[in-house]
N, C-alpha and C. Protein backbone atom coordinates (compact mmCIF):
# COMPACT_ATOMS: atom_id res chain seq x y z
N MET A 1 37.17 10.98 26.99
CA MET A 1 37.97 11.71 26.07
C MET A 1 37.34 11.65 24.73
N ARG A 2 37.35 12.74 23.99
CA ARG A 2 36.86 12.90 22.65
C ARG A 2 38.02 13.04 21.66
N PHE A 3 37.86 12.63 20.38
CA PHE A 3 38.90 12.79 19.43
C PHE A 3 38.29 13.44 18.16
N ALA A 4 38.96 14.49 17.70
CA ALA A 4 38.48 15.15 16.48
C ALA A 4 39.38 14.64 15.31
N VAL A 5 38.77 14.09 14.34
CA VAL A 5 39.39 13.62 13.15
C VAL A 5 39.52 14.88 12.16
N ILE A 6 40.72 15.13 11.77
CA ILE A 6 40.88 16.10 10.68
C ILE A 6 41.14 15.32 9.38
N SER A 7 40.18 15.33 8.51
CA SER A 7 40.22 14.51 7.33
C SER A 7 40.29 15.32 6.07
N PRO A 8 41.02 14.88 5.05
CA PRO A 8 40.85 15.58 3.71
C PRO A 8 39.39 15.56 3.28
N ALA A 9 39.04 16.40 2.41
CA ALA A 9 37.68 16.52 1.98
C ALA A 9 37.12 15.23 1.37
N ALA A 10 38.01 14.52 0.72
CA ALA A 10 37.61 13.19 0.04
C ALA A 10 37.19 12.20 1.11
N GLY A 11 37.74 12.29 2.35
CA GLY A 11 37.45 11.32 3.36
C GLY A 11 36.45 11.72 4.48
N LEU A 12 35.83 12.88 4.23
CA LEU A 12 35.00 13.46 5.34
C LEU A 12 33.92 12.47 5.76
N GLN A 13 33.17 11.90 4.85
CA GLN A 13 32.07 11.01 5.20
C GLN A 13 32.55 9.77 5.90
N LYS A 14 33.71 9.23 5.41
CA LYS A 14 34.22 8.00 5.99
C LYS A 14 34.92 8.20 7.26
N PHE A 15 35.68 9.28 7.50
CA PHE A 15 36.47 9.42 8.69
C PHE A 15 35.96 10.43 9.68
N SER A 16 35.42 11.57 9.30
CA SER A 16 34.97 12.55 10.20
C SER A 16 33.69 12.19 10.91
N THR A 17 32.94 11.20 10.36
CA THR A 17 31.72 10.79 11.05
C THR A 17 32.11 9.77 12.17
N LEU A 18 33.37 9.40 12.34
CA LEU A 18 33.75 8.43 13.30
C LEU A 18 33.76 9.11 14.78
N SER A 19 33.69 10.37 14.74
CA SER A 19 33.63 11.13 16.06
C SER A 19 32.53 12.13 16.06
N HIS A 20 32.06 12.53 17.17
CA HIS A 20 31.09 13.55 17.33
C HIS A 20 31.78 14.96 17.71
N THR A 21 33.15 14.96 17.71
CA THR A 21 33.82 16.14 17.98
C THR A 21 34.58 16.58 16.66
N HIS A 22 34.47 17.83 16.37
CA HIS A 22 35.04 18.24 15.04
C HIS A 22 35.80 19.57 15.26
N LEU A 23 37.10 19.60 14.83
CA LEU A 23 37.90 20.82 14.75
C LEU A 23 37.96 21.21 13.22
N LEU A 24 37.31 22.34 13.01
CA LEU A 24 37.29 22.68 11.59
C LEU A 24 38.39 23.84 11.38
N LEU A 25 39.03 23.74 10.28
CA LEU A 25 40.11 24.68 10.04
C LEU A 25 39.70 25.78 9.06
N ALA A 26 39.68 26.99 9.56
CA ALA A 26 39.07 28.12 8.91
C ALA A 26 39.73 28.41 7.50
N HIS A 27 41.05 28.05 7.35
CA HIS A 27 41.70 28.37 6.06
C HIS A 27 41.41 27.39 4.95
N VAL A 28 40.72 26.31 5.24
CA VAL A 28 40.37 25.33 4.17
C VAL A 28 39.55 26.00 3.18
N ASP A 29 39.91 25.87 1.90
CA ASP A 29 39.09 26.62 0.78
C ASP A 29 38.55 25.47 -0.07
N ASN A 30 37.64 24.76 0.47
CA ASN A 30 37.07 23.63 -0.34
C ASN A 30 35.54 23.71 -0.03
N PRO A 31 34.74 24.06 -1.04
CA PRO A 31 33.25 24.12 -0.84
C PRO A 31 32.60 22.77 -0.26
N LEU A 32 33.15 21.69 -0.66
CA LEU A 32 32.71 20.40 -0.17
C LEU A 32 32.84 20.27 1.36
N TYR A 33 33.97 20.70 1.80
CA TYR A 33 34.36 20.71 3.28
C TYR A 33 33.28 21.45 4.02
N TRP A 34 33.05 22.71 3.57
CA TRP A 34 32.12 23.52 4.30
C TRP A 34 30.69 23.06 4.21
N GLN A 35 30.26 22.54 3.03
CA GLN A 35 28.94 22.02 2.88
C GLN A 35 28.79 20.81 3.82
N PHE A 36 29.69 19.94 3.87
CA PHE A 36 29.70 18.80 4.72
C PHE A 36 29.46 19.18 6.21
N TYR A 37 30.33 20.08 6.72
CA TYR A 37 30.31 20.51 8.07
C TYR A 37 29.13 21.38 8.37
N ARG A 38 28.63 22.20 7.48
CA ARG A 38 27.42 22.95 7.74
C ARG A 38 26.24 22.01 7.97
N LYS A 39 26.14 21.01 7.22
CA LYS A 39 25.06 20.02 7.45
C LYS A 39 25.28 19.25 8.72
N LEU A 40 26.44 18.78 8.95
CA LEU A 40 26.71 17.89 10.13
C LEU A 40 26.59 18.72 11.47
N SER A 41 26.97 20.03 11.43
CA SER A 41 26.90 20.86 12.56
C SER A 41 25.48 21.04 13.04
N GLN A 42 24.46 20.81 12.23
CA GLN A 42 23.13 20.94 12.66
C GLN A 42 22.63 19.83 13.60
N GLU A 43 23.35 18.77 13.63
CA GLU A 43 22.96 17.68 14.57
C GLU A 43 23.39 18.05 15.95
N PRO A 44 22.50 17.92 16.89
CA PRO A 44 22.73 18.46 18.28
C PRO A 44 23.87 17.72 19.05
N GLN A 45 24.15 16.42 18.66
CA GLN A 45 25.22 15.62 19.36
C GLN A 45 26.58 16.05 18.80
N GLU A 46 26.71 16.82 17.77
CA GLU A 46 27.97 17.22 17.19
C GLU A 46 28.57 18.34 17.99
N LEU A 47 29.85 18.24 18.34
CA LEU A 47 30.58 19.34 19.04
C LEU A 47 31.52 19.93 18.01
N VAL A 48 31.33 21.17 17.69
CA VAL A 48 32.04 21.85 16.62
C VAL A 48 32.89 23.04 17.15
N ILE A 49 34.14 22.96 16.88
CA ILE A 49 35.17 23.98 17.24
C ILE A 49 35.69 24.58 15.94
N LEU A 50 35.55 25.84 15.71
CA LEU A 50 36.17 26.52 14.55
C LEU A 50 37.53 27.04 14.90
N ASP A 51 38.55 26.42 14.31
CA ASP A 51 39.97 26.85 14.59
C ASP A 51 40.29 27.98 13.67
N ASN A 52 41.13 28.86 14.21
CA ASN A 52 41.47 30.07 13.38
C ASN A 52 42.69 29.76 12.36
N SER A 53 43.19 28.59 12.41
CA SER A 53 44.24 28.21 11.47
C SER A 53 45.63 28.81 11.79
N ALA A 54 45.77 29.24 12.96
CA ALA A 54 47.12 29.87 13.36
C ALA A 54 48.30 28.89 13.20
N TYR A 55 48.06 27.65 13.64
CA TYR A 55 49.17 26.63 13.55
C TYR A 55 49.61 26.46 12.05
N GLU A 56 48.60 26.56 11.18
CA GLU A 56 48.92 26.39 9.78
C GLU A 56 49.46 27.61 9.13
N GLY A 57 49.69 28.66 9.93
CA GLY A 57 50.25 29.90 9.48
C GLY A 57 49.32 30.69 8.64
N ARG A 58 47.99 30.52 8.83
CA ARG A 58 46.94 31.15 8.03
C ARG A 58 45.86 31.81 8.84
N MET A 59 46.29 32.28 10.00
CA MET A 59 45.16 32.92 10.85
C MET A 59 44.63 34.11 10.23
N ASN A 60 43.27 34.13 10.11
CA ASN A 60 42.56 35.27 9.50
C ASN A 60 41.15 35.24 10.19
N MET A 61 40.97 36.13 11.22
CA MET A 61 39.74 36.11 11.93
C MET A 61 38.57 36.56 11.05
N ASP A 62 38.87 37.41 10.14
CA ASP A 62 37.72 37.80 9.18
C ASP A 62 37.29 36.63 8.41
N LEU A 63 38.20 35.69 8.01
CA LEU A 63 37.77 34.57 7.19
C LEU A 63 37.08 33.56 8.19
N ALA A 64 37.50 33.45 9.38
CA ALA A 64 36.87 32.58 10.34
C ALA A 64 35.40 33.01 10.55
N PHE A 65 35.20 34.39 10.64
CA PHE A 65 33.84 34.90 10.76
C PHE A 65 33.01 34.48 9.51
N ASP A 66 33.54 34.62 8.44
CA ASP A 66 32.86 34.25 7.14
C ASP A 66 32.50 32.79 7.13
N ARG A 67 33.32 31.98 7.73
CA ARG A 67 33.06 30.47 7.76
C ARG A 67 31.82 30.16 8.69
N LEU A 68 31.51 31.02 9.55
CA LEU A 68 30.45 30.77 10.57
C LEU A 68 29.08 30.82 9.88
N ASN A 69 28.97 31.37 8.68
CA ASN A 69 27.66 31.48 7.95
C ASN A 69 27.13 30.04 7.81
N GLY A 70 25.97 29.81 8.46
CA GLY A 70 25.28 28.51 8.33
C GLY A 70 25.90 27.32 9.12
N LEU A 71 26.85 27.68 9.98
CA LEU A 71 27.54 26.63 10.66
C LEU A 71 27.11 26.83 12.19
N ARG A 72 26.63 25.77 12.78
CA ARG A 72 26.34 25.80 14.27
C ARG A 72 27.70 25.46 14.93
N THR A 73 28.19 26.39 15.75
CA THR A 73 29.46 26.33 16.30
C THR A 73 29.36 26.32 17.84
N ASP A 74 30.13 25.48 18.54
CA ASP A 74 30.19 25.40 19.98
C ASP A 74 31.22 26.36 20.46
N ALA A 75 32.38 26.53 19.76
CA ALA A 75 33.35 27.39 20.14
C ALA A 75 34.28 27.88 18.92
N LEU A 76 34.75 29.16 19.08
CA LEU A 76 35.58 29.71 18.17
C LEU A 76 36.98 30.02 18.86
N VAL A 77 38.12 29.55 18.13
CA VAL A 77 39.37 29.80 18.79
C VAL A 77 39.79 31.22 18.58
N LEU A 78 40.13 31.74 19.74
CA LEU A 78 40.57 33.12 19.83
C LEU A 78 41.84 33.32 19.04
N PRO A 79 42.25 34.56 18.65
CA PRO A 79 43.58 34.75 17.97
C PRO A 79 44.70 34.19 18.85
N ASP A 80 45.61 33.52 18.17
CA ASP A 80 46.74 33.04 18.96
C ASP A 80 48.05 33.12 17.99
N PHE A 81 49.25 33.18 18.59
CA PHE A 81 50.42 33.35 17.91
C PHE A 81 51.39 32.28 18.26
N VAL A 82 51.45 31.29 17.40
CA VAL A 82 52.27 30.04 17.68
C VAL A 82 53.81 30.39 18.01
N GLY A 83 54.21 29.91 19.15
CA GLY A 83 55.59 30.03 19.46
C GLY A 83 56.10 31.38 19.87
N GLN A 84 55.18 32.38 20.01
CA GLN A 84 55.51 33.67 20.32
C GLN A 84 55.29 33.93 21.86
N ARG A 85 55.80 35.02 22.36
CA ARG A 85 55.62 35.38 23.76
C ARG A 85 54.20 35.36 24.09
N SER A 86 53.86 34.85 25.27
CA SER A 86 52.51 34.62 25.73
C SER A 86 51.63 35.87 25.79
N GLU A 87 52.35 37.01 26.04
CA GLU A 87 51.63 38.34 26.08
C GLU A 87 50.90 38.63 24.82
N LEU A 88 51.50 38.25 23.67
CA LEU A 88 50.96 38.60 22.40
C LEU A 88 49.59 37.92 22.20
N THR A 89 49.51 36.63 22.54
CA THR A 89 48.26 35.91 22.41
C THR A 89 47.32 36.39 23.44
N PHE A 90 47.73 36.65 24.72
CA PHE A 90 46.87 37.09 25.70
C PHE A 90 46.19 38.47 25.33
N ARG A 91 46.99 39.39 24.93
CA ARG A 91 46.45 40.74 24.55
C ARG A 91 45.46 40.62 23.42
N ALA A 92 45.83 39.80 22.41
CA ALA A 92 44.95 39.70 21.22
C ALA A 92 43.64 39.04 21.72
N GLY A 93 43.74 38.08 22.59
CA GLY A 93 42.51 37.40 23.11
C GLY A 93 41.64 38.36 23.79
N ILE A 94 42.19 39.20 24.69
CA ILE A 94 41.43 40.21 25.48
C ILE A 94 40.76 41.17 24.50
N ALA A 95 41.46 41.63 23.54
CA ALA A 95 40.89 42.59 22.58
C ALA A 95 39.71 41.94 21.87
N PHE A 96 39.84 40.68 21.43
CA PHE A 96 38.76 39.96 20.76
C PHE A 96 37.56 39.77 21.68
N ILE A 97 37.88 39.32 22.86
CA ILE A 97 36.74 39.18 23.84
C ILE A 97 35.97 40.47 24.05
N LYS A 98 36.75 41.50 24.26
CA LYS A 98 35.97 42.77 24.53
C LYS A 98 35.16 43.26 23.34
N GLN A 99 35.62 43.04 22.10
CA GLN A 99 34.90 43.42 20.96
C GLN A 99 33.76 42.57 20.67
N TRP A 100 33.90 41.23 20.81
CA TRP A 100 32.86 40.28 20.24
C TRP A 100 32.15 39.41 21.19
N ARG A 101 32.59 39.18 22.35
CA ARG A 101 32.03 38.23 23.27
C ARG A 101 30.44 38.27 23.33
N HIS A 102 29.90 39.44 23.65
CA HIS A 102 28.52 39.55 23.85
C HIS A 102 27.65 39.60 22.52
N GLN A 103 28.33 39.50 21.39
CA GLN A 103 27.65 39.47 20.08
C GLN A 103 27.64 38.07 19.50
N LEU A 104 28.25 37.16 20.18
CA LEU A 104 28.43 35.85 19.56
C LEU A 104 27.63 34.79 20.29
N PRO A 105 26.96 33.90 19.61
CA PRO A 105 26.04 32.87 20.19
C PRO A 105 26.82 31.66 20.53
N PHE A 106 28.11 31.64 20.79
CA PHE A 106 28.93 30.48 21.05
C PHE A 106 30.05 30.89 21.99
N ASP A 107 30.68 29.85 22.49
CA ASP A 107 31.88 30.15 23.40
C ASP A 107 33.08 30.44 22.58
N LEU A 108 34.09 30.88 23.38
CA LEU A 108 35.44 31.24 22.83
C LEU A 108 36.45 30.37 23.44
N MET A 109 37.40 29.93 22.60
CA MET A 109 38.44 29.02 23.14
C MET A 109 39.82 29.73 23.13
N TYR A 110 40.47 29.69 24.27
CA TYR A 110 41.83 30.34 24.38
C TYR A 110 42.89 29.33 24.24
N VAL A 111 43.92 29.56 23.42
CA VAL A 111 44.95 28.68 23.21
C VAL A 111 46.23 29.37 23.82
N PRO A 112 46.72 28.95 24.95
CA PRO A 112 47.77 29.59 25.62
C PRO A 112 49.16 29.31 25.06
N GLN A 113 49.48 30.17 24.11
CA GLN A 113 50.83 30.10 23.48
C GLN A 113 51.84 30.66 24.25
N PHE A 114 53.12 30.26 24.10
CA PHE A 114 54.27 30.82 24.82
C PHE A 114 55.52 30.53 23.96
N ASP A 115 56.68 31.22 24.33
CA ASP A 115 57.83 31.06 23.52
C ASP A 115 58.78 29.92 23.87
N GLY A 116 58.36 29.05 24.78
CA GLY A 116 59.11 27.80 25.00
C GLY A 116 60.02 27.91 26.21
N THR A 117 60.24 29.21 26.73
CA THR A 117 61.02 29.35 27.97
C THR A 117 60.17 29.08 29.20
N ILE A 118 60.95 28.65 30.21
CA ILE A 118 60.24 28.44 31.55
C ILE A 118 59.62 29.75 32.10
N GLU A 119 60.33 30.91 31.76
CA GLU A 119 59.81 32.15 32.31
C GLU A 119 58.52 32.54 31.63
N ASP A 120 58.44 32.32 30.27
CA ASP A 120 57.24 32.68 29.66
C ASP A 120 56.14 31.59 29.87
N TYR A 121 56.53 30.33 30.21
CA TYR A 121 55.59 29.34 30.51
C TYR A 121 54.80 29.78 31.85
N GLN A 122 55.61 30.31 32.77
CA GLN A 122 54.95 30.76 34.10
C GLN A 122 54.05 32.01 33.76
N VAL A 123 54.47 32.89 32.89
CA VAL A 123 53.61 34.01 32.62
C VAL A 123 52.38 33.52 31.85
N MET A 124 52.50 32.51 30.99
CA MET A 124 51.40 31.99 30.28
C MET A 124 50.35 31.46 31.21
N LYS A 125 50.80 30.76 32.30
CA LYS A 125 49.92 30.19 33.33
C LYS A 125 49.13 31.32 34.03
N LYS A 126 49.81 32.45 34.24
CA LYS A 126 49.06 33.53 34.87
C LYS A 126 48.06 34.09 33.89
N HIS A 127 48.29 34.10 32.58
CA HIS A 127 47.32 34.55 31.61
C HIS A 127 46.12 33.54 31.58
N VAL A 128 46.39 32.24 31.64
CA VAL A 128 45.31 31.29 31.73
C VAL A 128 44.38 31.64 32.93
N ARG A 129 45.00 31.81 34.09
CA ARG A 129 44.25 32.16 35.27
C ARG A 129 43.33 33.38 35.04
N SER A 130 43.93 34.43 34.41
CA SER A 130 43.12 35.63 34.13
C SER A 130 41.99 35.32 33.19
N MET A 131 42.25 34.41 32.23
CA MET A 131 41.17 34.04 31.29
C MET A 131 40.00 33.35 31.96
N VAL A 132 40.37 32.57 32.97
CA VAL A 132 39.27 31.88 33.82
C VAL A 132 38.64 32.89 34.73
N GLU A 133 39.45 33.54 35.53
CA GLU A 133 38.91 34.40 36.62
C GLU A 133 38.34 35.71 36.22
N ASP A 134 39.01 36.36 35.22
CA ASP A 134 38.51 37.76 34.75
C ASP A 134 37.65 37.72 33.60
N PHE A 135 37.69 36.69 32.77
CA PHE A 135 36.91 36.66 31.53
C PHE A 135 35.98 35.53 31.40
N GLY A 136 36.02 34.50 32.36
CA GLY A 136 35.14 33.42 32.40
C GLY A 136 35.32 32.45 31.30
N ILE A 137 36.50 32.45 30.65
CA ILE A 137 36.70 31.48 29.49
C ILE A 137 36.62 30.08 30.10
N ALA A 138 35.99 29.13 29.42
CA ALA A 138 35.78 27.79 29.85
C ALA A 138 36.31 26.84 28.79
N TRP A 139 36.82 27.35 27.66
CA TRP A 139 37.35 26.47 26.64
C TRP A 139 38.80 26.78 26.40
N PHE A 140 39.60 25.76 26.41
CA PHE A 140 41.04 25.95 26.20
C PHE A 140 41.55 24.90 25.25
N GLY A 141 42.41 25.36 24.32
CA GLY A 141 43.08 24.37 23.38
C GLY A 141 44.58 24.43 23.76
N LEU A 142 45.15 23.26 24.09
CA LEU A 142 46.53 23.19 24.49
C LEU A 142 47.34 22.82 23.28
N PRO A 143 48.23 23.72 22.88
CA PRO A 143 49.04 23.55 21.70
C PRO A 143 49.97 22.44 21.70
N ARG A 144 50.13 21.75 20.58
CA ARG A 144 51.16 20.58 20.46
C ARG A 144 52.56 21.13 20.84
N LEU A 145 52.84 22.41 20.56
CA LEU A 145 54.14 23.00 20.80
C LEU A 145 54.46 22.92 22.35
N THR A 146 53.46 22.93 23.16
CA THR A 146 53.77 22.73 24.61
C THR A 146 54.46 21.50 24.88
N ALA A 147 53.98 20.42 24.45
CA ALA A 147 54.59 19.07 24.59
C ALA A 147 55.94 18.94 23.74
N GLU A 148 56.02 19.53 22.51
CA GLU A 148 57.25 19.44 21.77
C GLU A 148 58.38 20.15 22.42
N ARG A 149 58.06 21.12 23.25
CA ARG A 149 59.14 21.86 24.00
C ARG A 149 59.34 21.30 25.34
N GLY A 150 58.83 20.10 25.70
CA GLY A 150 59.19 19.38 26.92
C GLY A 150 58.28 19.70 28.15
N TYR A 151 57.09 20.37 27.90
CA TYR A 151 56.19 20.56 28.90
C TYR A 151 55.06 19.61 28.86
N SER A 152 54.43 19.37 29.95
CA SER A 152 53.31 18.39 30.03
C SER A 152 51.96 19.06 29.82
N ARG A 153 51.26 18.63 28.73
CA ARG A 153 49.99 19.19 28.55
C ARG A 153 49.00 18.66 29.51
N SER A 154 49.25 17.36 30.07
CA SER A 154 48.46 16.88 31.15
C SER A 154 48.47 17.77 32.31
N GLU A 155 49.65 18.15 32.70
CA GLU A 155 49.90 19.04 33.92
C GLU A 155 49.20 20.40 33.66
N LEU A 156 49.25 20.88 32.48
CA LEU A 156 48.59 22.14 32.18
C LEU A 156 47.04 22.02 32.18
N CYS A 157 46.54 20.81 31.70
CA CYS A 157 45.17 20.52 31.72
C CYS A 157 44.71 20.48 33.17
N LEU A 158 45.40 19.82 34.03
CA LEU A 158 44.95 19.68 35.51
C LEU A 158 45.07 21.09 36.11
N TYR A 159 45.97 21.88 35.79
CA TYR A 159 46.09 23.26 36.30
C TYR A 159 44.82 24.08 35.99
N ILE A 160 44.42 23.99 34.67
CA ILE A 160 43.15 24.64 34.25
C ILE A 160 41.96 24.07 34.96
N LYS A 161 41.91 22.81 35.03
CA LYS A 161 40.66 22.18 35.70
C LYS A 161 40.62 22.68 37.19
N ARG A 162 41.75 22.70 37.85
CA ARG A 162 41.82 23.17 39.24
C ARG A 162 41.31 24.64 39.39
N LEU A 163 41.86 25.48 38.48
CA LEU A 163 41.42 26.91 38.49
C LEU A 163 39.92 26.95 38.34
N LYS A 164 39.36 26.25 37.39
CA LYS A 164 37.93 26.34 37.12
C LYS A 164 37.21 25.75 38.24
N ALA A 165 37.62 24.77 38.90
CA ALA A 165 36.91 24.12 40.04
C ALA A 165 36.90 25.06 41.13
N ASN A 166 37.95 25.87 41.37
CA ASN A 166 37.96 26.79 42.46
C ASN A 166 37.17 28.00 42.18
N TRP A 167 36.86 28.31 40.97
CA TRP A 167 36.22 29.55 40.59
C TRP A 167 34.76 29.38 40.54
N ASP A 168 34.23 28.32 39.83
CA ASP A 168 32.76 28.12 39.76
C ASP A 168 32.52 26.66 39.38
N HIS A 169 31.29 26.30 39.19
CA HIS A 169 30.95 24.88 38.89
C HIS A 169 30.55 24.70 37.39
N ASP A 170 30.71 25.69 36.59
CA ASP A 170 30.47 25.47 35.16
C ASP A 170 31.47 24.50 34.58
N PRO A 171 31.02 23.82 33.56
CA PRO A 171 31.94 22.80 32.90
C PRO A 171 33.15 23.58 32.18
N ILE A 172 34.22 22.85 32.07
CA ILE A 172 35.43 23.38 31.41
C ILE A 172 35.75 22.36 30.32
N TYR A 173 36.17 22.88 29.14
CA TYR A 173 36.56 21.99 28.04
C TYR A 173 38.01 22.26 27.67
N VAL A 174 38.77 21.12 27.57
CA VAL A 174 40.16 21.27 27.28
C VAL A 174 40.44 20.37 26.06
N HIS A 175 40.97 20.90 25.03
CA HIS A 175 41.27 20.11 23.78
C HIS A 175 42.68 20.15 23.50
N ALA A 176 43.37 19.02 23.38
CA ALA A 176 44.73 18.94 22.98
C ALA A 176 44.83 19.12 21.48
N LEU A 177 45.42 20.26 21.01
CA LEU A 177 45.47 20.58 19.58
C LEU A 177 46.66 19.87 19.05
N GLY A 178 46.42 18.94 18.16
CA GLY A 178 47.59 18.20 17.51
C GLY A 178 48.06 17.05 18.35
N MET A 179 48.29 15.93 17.72
CA MET A 179 48.83 14.73 18.36
C MET A 179 50.30 14.82 18.59
N CYS A 180 50.74 14.18 19.66
CA CYS A 180 52.19 13.92 19.95
C CYS A 180 52.40 12.55 20.18
N ASN A 181 53.63 12.19 20.29
CA ASN A 181 54.07 10.76 20.56
C ASN A 181 53.49 10.30 21.84
């Protein structure tokens, strides 16, 4: 298991270097933050995920693209809509994949959002299956809201791992977004 430290800019050197996994927040508007991560991302052992800042209510995919300048990135988080019906995130993800996938030198991460109902949770799982089987997505971010609404992120992780194992032998990456109790 890897852990990504999200540190204020003043603590980047002290805290963010404790891990080789980094979740960068696209909305952060601090030149020191981006200077630090542009340099750190050049090290081959560093795993870098650029988050779209949807959880922070600041999703802006154009800004996320701007942040990629000079940054070696392993994965970019697809558009997602926190707490909304799963169909919204799924459709936005498909549109993004179709437009950008073959132009980007890194992977894309799907964050399976849903509205908290058991019905939409089941629909979301079908969307996850489609992302694996129809689009070959191998990176998933499991939202904290999943656990906050009483669902098991561990169970969802195992579901994704089983899907991927049945489909091919490429590695799959699952990141739990946000800590829970």
